[in-house]
Protein backbone atom coordinates (compact mmCIF):
# COMPACT_ATOMS: atom_id res chain seq x y z
CA MET A 1 81.13 81.34 105.08
CA ARG A 2 80.67 84.14 107.61
CA VAL A 3 78.27 81.96 109.62
CA THR A 4 80.81 79.13 109.54
CA TRP A 5 83.41 81.50 110.95
CA ARG A 6 81.26 82.45 113.90
CA TRP A 7 80.66 78.80 114.80
CA LEU A 8 84.37 77.96 114.47
CA ALA A 9 85.34 80.91 116.65
CA ALA A 10 82.79 79.92 119.29
CA ALA A 11 84.01 76.33 119.32
CA VAL A 12 87.64 77.38 119.70
CA ALA A 13 86.79 79.75 122.55
CA VAL A 14 84.55 77.30 124.40
CA CYS A 15 86.84 74.25 124.26
CA PRO A 16 89.58 75.68 126.54
CA GLN A 17 87.00 77.01 128.99
CA ALA A 18 85.23 73.65 129.21
CA THR A 19 88.51 71.84 129.76
CA LEU A 20 89.56 74.37 132.39
CA ALA A 21 86.25 73.99 134.22
CA ALA A 22 86.66 70.20 134.34
CA ALA A 23 90.20 70.52 135.68
CA THR A 24 89.36 73.02 138.38
CA ALA A 25 86.33 70.94 139.44
CA GLY A 26 88.59 68.00 140.21
CA ALA A 27 87.57 65.83 137.25
CA PRO A 28 90.44 63.99 135.49
CA LEU A 29 91.87 65.57 132.38
CA VAL A 30 90.84 63.97 129.10
CA GLN A 31 93.71 62.13 127.41
CA VAL A 32 93.55 60.69 123.92
CA HIS A 33 96.26 58.42 122.55
CA ALA A 34 96.44 57.92 118.80
CA PRO A 35 99.39 57.24 116.50
CA ASP A 36 100.92 60.28 114.81
CA THR A 37 98.52 62.65 116.55
CA ASP A 38 99.13 65.65 118.78
CA LEU A 39 96.40 67.88 120.20
CA SER A 40 96.92 71.06 122.23
CA ILE A 41 94.09 73.11 123.77
CA SER A 42 94.73 76.31 125.70
CA GLY A 43 92.84 79.31 127.02
CA GLY A 44 93.57 82.37 129.08
CA ALA A 45 94.42 86.03 128.79
CA ALA A 46 94.89 87.57 125.38
CA PRO A 47 98.45 88.68 124.53
CA GLY A 48 99.34 92.32 125.02
CA ASN A 49 98.36 94.86 127.64
CA SER A 50 94.63 95.07 126.81
CA PRO A 51 92.16 93.06 128.93
CA GLY A 52 90.90 90.08 126.95
CA VAL A 53 90.60 86.31 126.66
CA LYS A 54 92.04 83.88 124.16
CA GLY A 55 91.19 80.33 123.16
CA GLU A 56 93.34 78.17 120.91
CA ALA A 57 93.17 74.62 119.57
CA ASP A 58 96.00 72.98 117.59
CA LEU A 59 95.76 69.52 115.99
CA THR A 60 98.74 67.92 114.23
CA LEU A 61 98.35 64.76 112.14
CA GLY A 62 101.08 62.70 110.51
CA LEU A 63 99.84 60.33 107.81
CA ALA A 64 101.81 58.64 105.02
CA GLY A 65 104.74 61.02 105.33
CA VAL A 66 102.52 64.12 105.21
CA THR A 67 102.23 66.34 108.28
CA THR A 68 99.09 68.46 108.57
CA ASP A 69 98.59 71.10 111.23
CA ILE A 70 95.09 72.51 111.83
CA LYS A 71 94.87 75.49 114.16
CA GLY A 72 91.97 77.62 115.36
CA THR A 73 92.19 80.77 117.46
CA ALA A 74 89.59 83.11 118.92
CA LEU A 75 90.17 86.29 120.93
CA ALA A 76 87.92 88.90 122.50
CA GLY A 77 88.57 91.87 124.76
CA ASN A 78 88.38 95.58 125.38
CA SER A 79 90.76 98.46 126.02
CA GLU A 80 90.35 101.77 127.78
CA THR A 81 93.81 103.16 127.16
CA THR A 82 93.05 105.20 124.02
CA GLN A 83 89.28 105.05 123.43
CA GLN A 84 86.36 104.78 125.82
CA GLY A 85 84.71 101.37 125.79
CA ASP A 86 86.78 99.93 122.92
CA ALA A 87 85.77 96.30 122.27
CA TRP A 88 87.16 93.82 119.76
CA SER A 89 87.02 90.19 118.72
CA SER A 90 89.02 88.18 116.22
CA GLY A 91 89.54 84.63 115.04
CA ALA A 92 91.50 82.53 112.58
CA VAL A 93 91.57 79.01 111.20
CA SER A 94 94.60 77.72 109.30
CA ILE A 95 95.64 74.47 107.62
CA ASP A 96 99.34 73.84 107.01
CA THR A 97 100.49 70.77 105.07
CA HIS A 98 104.14 69.75 104.95
CA TRP A 99 105.82 66.86 103.11
CA GLN A 100 109.12 65.67 101.62
CA SER A 101 109.42 64.62 97.98
CA GLY A 102 112.92 63.58 96.99
CA PRO A 103 115.32 66.51 97.51
CA ALA A 104 112.44 69.00 97.82
CA THR A 105 110.45 69.97 100.90
CA TRP A 106 106.96 71.30 100.15
CA ASP A 107 104.70 73.40 102.34
CA LEU A 108 101.15 74.59 101.59
CA GLN A 109 99.14 76.83 103.91
CA ALA A 110 95.64 78.31 103.81
CA THR A 111 94.25 80.73 106.39
CA GLN A 112 90.94 82.49 106.92
CA SER A 113 90.62 85.16 109.60
CA PHE A 114 88.32 87.92 110.78
CA ARG A 115 88.43 90.85 113.17
CA HIS A 116 85.70 93.13 114.50
CA SER A 117 86.32 96.33 116.49
CA LEU A 118 83.75 98.65 118.04
CA PHE A 119 84.40 101.68 120.21
CA GLU A 120 82.72 104.78 121.54
CA GLY A 121 84.70 107.97 121.96
CA THR A 122 83.51 111.27 123.37
CA ARG A 123 85.65 114.19 122.27
CA ALA A 124 86.04 116.94 124.83
CA GLY A 125 83.37 119.55 124.27
CA ALA A 126 81.26 117.36 121.95
CA LEU A 127 77.53 117.08 122.60
CA THR A 128 77.12 113.56 121.21
CA SER A 129 79.15 110.39 121.21
CA LEU A 130 80.86 109.19 118.04
CA TYR A 131 80.73 105.44 117.45
CA SER A 132 83.15 103.71 115.12
CA GLU A 133 83.23 100.15 113.83
CA GLN A 134 85.63 98.12 111.70
CA GLN A 135 85.18 94.62 110.31
CA SER A 136 87.72 92.74 108.25
CA GLU A 137 87.78 89.27 106.70
CA GLN A 138 90.86 87.82 105.07
CA ASN A 139 91.61 84.74 102.95
CA SER A 140 95.23 83.90 102.28
CA SER A 141 97.22 81.05 100.76
CA ARG A 142 100.92 80.36 100.61
CA GLY A 143 103.13 77.74 99.01
CA THR A 144 106.88 77.13 99.25
CA VAL A 145 109.39 74.60 98.07
CA ALA A 146 112.80 74.26 99.71
CA LEU A 147 115.75 72.74 97.84
CA ARG A 148 119.33 71.97 98.81
CA PRO A 149 121.34 71.43 95.59
CA LEU A 150 124.58 71.53 97.60
CA THR A 151 125.37 70.70 101.20
CA THR A 152 126.29 74.33 101.83
CA LEU A 153 123.54 75.92 99.69
CA GLY A 154 119.83 76.13 100.40
CA LEU A 155 117.14 77.63 98.14
CA THR A 156 113.50 78.48 98.87
CA LEU A 157 110.96 79.55 96.27
CA GLY A 158 107.46 80.64 97.17
CA ALA A 159 104.33 82.54 96.31
CA GLU A 160 101.41 83.85 98.34
CA SER A 161 98.05 85.43 97.69
CA GLN A 162 95.82 87.47 100.01
CA ASP A 163 92.30 88.88 99.66
CA THR A 164 90.96 91.20 102.36
CA SER A 165 87.60 92.89 102.78
CA THR A 166 87.48 95.76 105.29
CA ILE A 167 84.27 97.53 106.29
CA GLN A 168 84.44 100.73 108.32
CA GLY A 169 81.47 102.60 109.73
CA GLN A 170 80.89 105.55 112.00
CA TRP A 171 77.79 107.27 113.29
CA GLN A 172 76.60 109.63 116.00
CA VAL A 173 73.65 109.17 118.33
CA SER A 174 70.35 109.38 116.37
CA ALA A 175 72.29 109.76 113.11
CA LYS A 176 72.49 107.50 110.09
CA GLN A 177 75.48 105.18 109.95
CA GLN A 178 78.01 105.72 107.17
CA LYS A 179 79.87 102.65 105.95
CA THR A 180 82.68 102.13 103.47
CA ARG A 181 84.09 98.87 102.11
CA VAL A 182 87.64 98.43 100.86
CA GLU A 183 88.60 95.33 98.87
CA THR A 184 92.31 94.52 98.78
CA SER A 185 93.98 91.87 96.65
CA SER A 186 97.71 91.17 96.66
CA GLU A 187 100.07 88.62 95.15
CA ARG A 188 103.67 88.13 96.17
CA ALA A 189 106.49 85.93 94.86
CA PHE A 190 109.82 85.50 96.57
CA ALA A 191 113.11 83.64 96.39
CA LYS A 192 115.57 83.02 99.22
CA ALA A 193 119.11 81.65 99.25
CA ASN A 194 121.44 80.69 102.07
CA TRP A 195 125.09 79.77 101.58
CA SER A 196 127.45 78.58 104.34
CA PRO A 197 130.93 78.11 102.87
CA VAL A 198 132.31 77.42 106.36
CA THR A 199 130.65 76.71 109.69
CA ALA A 200 131.27 80.20 111.09
CA VAL A 201 130.04 82.14 108.04
CA SER A 202 126.60 82.26 106.46
CA LEU A 203 125.37 84.46 103.60
CA ASP A 204 121.67 84.91 102.90
CA GLY A 205 119.67 86.89 100.39
CA GLU A 206 116.04 87.38 99.45
CA VAL A 207 114.13 89.22 96.77
CA ALA A 208 110.36 89.63 96.73
CA VAL A 209 108.03 91.13 94.13
CA ALA A 210 104.50 92.14 95.14
CA ALA A 211 101.50 93.58 93.33
CA THR A 212 98.51 95.03 95.18
CA SER A 213 95.18 96.47 94.08
CA MET A 214 92.62 98.27 96.24
CA ALA A 215 89.06 99.39 95.53
CA LEU A 216 86.66 101.48 97.59
CA ASP A 217 83.06 100.26 97.38
CA GLY A 218 83.82 98.81 93.96
CA THR A 219 83.86 102.25 92.28
CA ALA A 220 86.15 103.17 89.43
CA SER A 221 87.15 106.48 91.04
CA GLY A 222 88.21 104.80 94.27
CA ARG A 223 90.76 102.38 92.86
CA THR A 224 94.53 102.15 93.05
CA GLN A 225 97.25 99.62 92.38
CA TYR A 226 100.95 99.53 93.05
CA GLN A 227 103.96 97.23 92.83
CA ALA A 228 106.81 96.76 95.26
CA LEU A 229 110.31 95.27 95.05
CA GLU A 230 111.86 94.23 98.36
CA PRO A 231 115.48 93.01 98.30
CA ARG A 232 117.49 91.88 101.31
CA LEU A 233 121.12 90.78 101.75
CA GLY A 234 122.74 89.61 104.97
CA VAL A 235 125.77 87.91 106.50
CA THR A 236 126.03 86.04 109.80
CA LEU A 237 129.31 85.33 111.59
CA LYS A 238 130.07 83.08 114.56
CA PRO A 239 133.61 84.09 115.49
CA TRP A 240 133.73 82.06 118.74
CA THR A 241 131.63 79.72 120.83
CA GLY A 242 128.30 81.20 121.88
CA SER A 243 128.64 84.34 119.75
CA GLN A 244 126.78 85.55 116.70
CA LEU A 245 127.04 88.72 114.60
CA ALA A 246 124.46 89.41 111.90
CA VAL A 247 124.50 92.34 109.47
CA SER A 248 121.89 92.97 106.78
CA VAL A 249 120.63 95.65 104.41
CA GLU A 250 117.07 95.69 103.11
CA LYS A 251 114.28 97.69 101.57
CA THR A 252 110.87 97.36 103.20
CA VAL A 253 107.46 98.33 101.82
CA THR A 254 104.40 98.43 104.11
CA PRO A 255 101.04 97.86 102.35
CA LEU A 256 98.50 100.68 102.35
CA ASP A 257 96.15 100.66 105.32
CA PRO A 258 92.51 100.19 104.13
CA GLY A 259 91.23 102.81 106.56
CA ASN A 260 93.76 105.39 105.38
CA PHE A 261 92.92 104.62 101.74
CA ALA A 262 89.17 105.06 102.36
CA ALA A 263 89.74 108.36 104.19
CA TYR A 264 92.03 109.62 101.44
CA VAL A 265 89.52 108.87 98.68
CA ALA A 266 86.65 110.46 100.63
CA ALA A 267 88.56 113.66 101.49
CA THR A 268 88.01 116.78 99.42
CA GLY A 269 90.60 119.47 98.77
CA ARG A 270 93.56 117.12 99.18
CA PRO A 271 97.08 118.52 98.69
CA GLU A 272 98.03 117.60 95.13
CA ASP A 273 101.73 117.36 95.93
CA MET A 274 101.22 114.70 98.66
CA PRO A 275 99.50 111.58 97.26
CA LEU A 276 98.98 108.50 99.43
CA LYS A 277 101.62 105.80 98.87
CA PRO A 278 102.81 102.71 100.79
CA ASP A 279 105.36 103.43 103.52
CA SER A 280 108.86 102.44 102.41
CA ALA A 281 112.33 102.56 103.93
CA ARG A 282 115.93 101.48 103.29
CA ALA A 283 117.47 99.98 106.43
CA VAL A 284 120.71 98.64 107.86
CA ASN A 285 120.43 96.06 110.67
CA VAL A 286 123.16 94.90 113.04
CA ALA A 287 122.53 92.24 115.69
CA VAL A 288 124.97 90.79 118.25
CA LYS A 289 124.29 87.82 120.51
CA GLN A 290 126.55 86.32 123.15
CA THR A 291 125.75 83.32 125.33
CA LEU A 292 127.96 82.65 128.35
CA GLY A 293 128.03 79.92 130.94
CA SER A 294 125.84 79.93 134.07
CA GLY A 295 122.71 81.00 132.17
CA ILE A 296 123.90 84.40 130.96
CA SER A 297 122.97 85.73 127.52
CA VAL A 298 123.04 89.20 125.96
CA GLU A 299 121.40 90.27 122.71
CA THR A 300 121.61 93.70 121.08
CA ALA A 301 120.09 94.80 117.77
CA TYR A 302 120.53 98.14 116.02
CA ARG A 303 118.48 99.44 113.09
CA ASP A 304 118.98 102.59 111.04
CA ALA A 305 116.29 103.29 108.43
CA ALA A 306 116.12 106.06 105.85
CA LEU A 307 112.42 106.85 105.39
CA ASP A 308 111.49 107.20 101.73
CA SER A 309 107.73 107.48 102.34
CA THR A 310 105.75 107.92 105.58
CA THR A 311 102.00 108.31 106.13
CA ALA A 312 100.91 111.42 108.03
CA LEU A 313 97.68 113.37 108.57
CA VAL A 314 97.59 116.68 106.66
CA PRO A 315 94.97 119.43 106.36
CA ALA A 316 92.31 119.19 103.65
CA ALA A 317 89.20 121.18 102.73
CA SER A 318 87.07 118.48 104.40
CA GLY A 319 89.19 118.50 107.58
CA GLU A 320 92.21 116.22 107.33
CA THR A 321 93.40 113.34 105.18
CA PRO A 322 96.17 110.72 105.27
CA ALA A 323 98.97 111.53 102.81
CA SER A 324 102.57 110.50 102.19
CA ILE A 325 105.56 112.65 103.02
CA SER A 326 109.17 111.97 102.04
CA GLY A 327 112.36 112.20 104.02
CA GLY A 328 113.20 111.36 107.59
CA ASN A 329 115.09 108.80 109.61
CA ALA A 330 114.27 106.18 112.26
CA GLN A 331 116.75 104.45 114.57
CA SER A 332 116.26 101.86 117.26
CA ILE A 333 118.35 99.80 119.70
CA ARG A 334 116.95 96.65 121.31
CA THR A 335 118.67 94.83 124.15
CA GLN A 336 117.77 91.62 125.93
CA LEU A 337 119.64 90.37 129.00
CA THR A 338 119.12 87.10 130.84
CA LEU A 339 121.09 86.46 134.04
CA SER A 340 121.05 83.44 136.33
CA LEU A 341 121.32 84.20 140.07
CA ALA A 342 122.72 80.78 140.99
CA ALA A 343 126.15 82.32 141.66
CA LEU A 344 124.52 84.54 144.30
CA GLY A 345 123.07 81.57 146.17
CA LEU A 346 119.67 81.66 144.43
CA PRO A 347 119.45 78.47 142.35
CA ALA A 348 116.80 78.13 139.64
CA THR A 349 116.31 81.91 139.74
CA SER A 350 116.91 84.31 136.89
CA VAL A 351 116.29 87.93 135.99
CA SER A 352 115.77 89.28 132.50
CA SER A 353 115.23 92.64 130.88
CA ASN A 354 114.01 93.76 127.48
CA SER A 355 114.59 97.36 126.45
CA VAL A 356 114.01 99.36 123.29
CA TRP A 357 115.23 102.89 122.55
CA ARG A 358 113.83 104.69 119.51
CA HIS A 359 114.71 107.99 117.88
CA SER A 360 113.21 109.32 114.66
CA TRP A 361 112.48 112.55 112.85
CA ILE A 362 110.23 113.64 110.03
CA SER A 363 109.23 117.08 108.78
CA ASP A 364 105.78 117.96 110.14
CA PRO A 365 103.53 118.57 107.09
CA VAL A 366 101.41 120.98 109.18
CA THR A 367 103.98 123.15 110.98
CA GLY A 368 107.14 122.45 108.98
CA ARG A 369 109.05 121.64 112.16
CA GLU A 370 110.72 118.30 112.85
CA HIS A 371 109.24 115.82 115.32
CA SER A 372 109.26 112.07 115.99
CA LEU A 373 107.02 109.59 114.19
CA SER A 374 103.40 109.70 115.30
CA GLY A 375 102.77 106.92 117.83
CA GLU A 376 106.46 106.21 118.46
CA ILE A 377 107.39 105.16 122.01
CA PRO A 378 110.88 106.58 122.69
CA GLN A 379 111.77 104.04 125.38
CA GLU A 380 110.29 100.76 126.59
CA THR A 381 111.71 98.56 129.36
CA GLN A 382 110.36 95.31 130.77
CA LEU A 383 111.89 93.55 133.79
CA SER A 384 111.11 90.09 135.15
CA LEU A 385 112.24 87.80 137.97
CA THR A 386 111.56 84.05 137.64
CA HIS A 387 112.09 81.25 140.17
CA ALA A 388 111.59 77.54 139.43
CA MET A 389 110.72 74.85 142.01
CA PRO A 390 111.19 71.57 140.07
CA GLN A 391 110.22 69.20 142.87
CA GLN A 392 106.88 70.95 143.33
CA HIS A 393 106.45 71.48 139.54
CA LEU A 394 106.01 75.18 140.23
CA THR A 395 107.38 78.34 138.64
CA TRP A 396 106.59 81.81 139.90
CA GLY A 397 107.72 85.25 138.88
CA LEU A 398 107.35 88.99 139.03
CA ASN A 399 107.31 91.35 136.07
CA GLY A 400 107.19 95.07 135.60
CA THR A 401 107.13 97.68 132.86
CA LEU A 402 108.67 101.11 133.21
CA GLY A 403 106.76 104.22 132.23
CA ALA A 404 106.55 105.40 128.63
CA GLN A 405 105.13 108.31 126.66
CA THR A 406 104.04 108.70 123.07
CA SER A 407 102.48 111.46 120.95
CA TYR A 408 99.96 111.28 118.11
CA TYR A 409 99.92 114.10 115.54
CA GLN A 410 96.79 115.06 113.61
CA ALA A 411 96.06 118.12 111.50
CA ALA A 412 94.16 119.92 114.29
CA GLU A 413 94.91 117.76 117.32
CA LEU A 414 97.88 116.63 119.39
CA SER A 415 97.42 113.68 121.76
CA THR A 416 99.92 112.52 124.37
CA VAL A 417 99.57 109.18 126.17
CA THR A 418 101.72 108.69 129.29
CA SER A 419 102.03 105.39 131.15
CA SER A 420 103.43 105.42 134.68
CA GLY A 421 104.50 101.78 134.45
CA SER A 422 102.90 98.57 135.67
CA PHE A 423 103.59 95.60 137.94
CA GLY A 424 102.41 92.00 137.81
CA ALA A 425 103.02 88.45 139.03
CA PHE A 426 102.39 84.87 137.92
CA VAL A 427 102.53 81.29 139.20
CA GLN A 428 102.58 78.23 136.94
CA TYR A 429 101.98 74.58 137.87
CA ASP A 430 103.44 72.12 135.35
CA PRO A 431 103.35 68.45 136.47
CA GLY A 432 103.82 67.17 132.91
CA PRO A 433 100.46 66.12 131.43
CA PHE A 434 99.23 69.71 131.62
CA SER A 435 100.30 73.22 132.57
CA LEU A 436 98.18 75.65 134.60
CA ARG A 437 99.17 79.32 134.80
CA PHE A 438 97.64 82.13 136.88
CA HIS A 439 98.79 85.71 136.37
CA VAL A 440 97.86 89.21 137.49
CA ASP A 441 98.97 92.26 135.51
CA GLY A 442 98.54 96.00 135.97
CA LEU A 443 98.58 95.94 139.78
CA ALA A 444 100.08 99.43 139.83
CA GLY A 445 100.30 102.33 137.47
CA THR A 446 97.93 104.37 135.35
CA THR A 447 97.67 105.61 131.78
CA ASP A 448 97.01 109.32 131.28
CA ARG A 449 95.84 110.84 127.99
CA ARG A 450 95.93 114.54 127.11
CA ASP A 451 94.24 115.78 123.93
CA ILE A 452 94.89 119.32 122.69
CA PHE A 453 92.37 120.53 120.10
CA TYR A 454 93.42 123.50 117.96
CA SER A 455 91.25 126.10 116.31
CA GLY A 456 91.85 125.55 112.60
CA SER A 457 95.10 123.57 112.54
CA ARG A 458 98.21 123.05 114.65
CA ALA A 459 100.03 125.51 112.38
CA ASN A 460 98.42 128.58 113.95
CA GLY A 461 98.96 127.40 117.54
CA LEU A 462 95.52 128.56 118.74
CA ILE A 463 94.17 126.07 121.29
CA ASP A 464 90.40 125.59 121.29
CA HIS A 465 90.12 123.24 124.27
CA VAL A 466 92.01 120.48 126.13
CA GLY A 467 90.75 117.07 127.21
CA ASN A 468 92.27 114.85 129.91
CA SER A 469 91.45 111.24 130.81
CA GLN A 470 92.95 108.47 132.94
CA ALA A 471 92.63 104.69 132.77
CA ASP A 472 93.63 101.92 135.17
CA ALA A 473 92.90 98.39 133.96
CA PRO A 474 94.39 95.52 136.04
CA THR A 475 93.80 92.08 134.54
CA VAL A 476 93.66 88.56 135.97
CA GLY A 477 94.16 85.49 133.78
CA LEU A 478 94.04 81.70 134.15
CA SER A 479 95.22 79.44 131.35
CA LEU A 480 95.49 75.69 130.85
CA VAL A 481 97.60 73.91 128.25
CA THR A 482 97.50 70.16 127.71
CA ALA A 483 99.14 68.03 125.02
CA LEU A 484 97.77 64.65 123.96
CA ASN A 485 100.43 62.57 122.24
CA GLY A 486 100.11 59.28 120.50
């Protein structure tokens, strides 16, 4: 099956590029008309800030009341923001079947995916380079049935299963590679209900039960299993036209990371009072949305989570190991604003902003002092300006990201990554049968990384050496999307 995956990924990646080459060469676009058939092929830059390419093919078939969607995706790229020469590739193929049978709506989905990552990192002061590799393959299936026993009441019952194989390896120059394999199997069942007694009020609830087992290299000593119960209850109000207020409470459980589990099992001299457990939290969510006339909308979401269990790196006899600590809190506020500039004499022009503020604290297992979550970005802001030219079938825009800083805490190392912000632009041509988009990102700004290595651990405060690096990775992308409808 692994060989099949590679051929599927290659086909998905090549199809958009071949179509794009034909379009840019002046050849007519291929159009296929068939009843109950829709085909979409696209290619271009991979999502996110890392340089990369993406190819995607989506085929939808409607036969005898059954709708089947077949989708394939392939991505490849590299990143120089955190590691030197980091390269990755991934792909997925999914089949989703949907049909109506009396009062019930059924949905069955099967997905197979893979991801491969390879990077080389040279630690400051090291004589050799350390290479690291991770491969993962995942098979998953999901089935749901939706019922509506009453006009105001909807019920959804479902179950899903997931099997993942993760292989991690690391080696130094002229040294033997060390590999570990983690097999993960999980089953999850859930039930959802939604009740709308009146148009302006909606109550929803969900409860999910999950069981997960993990094994390292198939050994009895490297095995664990755990269960999780995840309830959620929410209410949504629409007090007036264009408004929405949603409040919910929930408990979330994040599955164990295979890499953390492998490192924990391999570590010697682990703290006995800090075993490795899934991250879990109890959270309250409040979201407000208001849509006004003239293309104005405002959305704000607030989240307050009490952290029951959080993964952190703690000292061990073999160096460091992932472990779980208790206590802490994480809060966040997200805002999204969209504003039309037509009232200012700029028709078909709008500005938008997306901002996130985060604040958290946990007790550092190394120093005992409080600090934010490792890898947390305190503030993120994205701004964009978009102008549409309908008669020319053109849309162009500018986008920018303000600077941000985040810190990563290890037992004997503290890393700080600072981004000075970035700037980009795009132009999109959409005559109808197809859409062609050209964009440039990262025209300005750099990413600076500072690594502080301590002698022993961060607890003693003795710095051994400091490493500094800087990355600047502008990207250029061209994507084509075409839909073939019967």
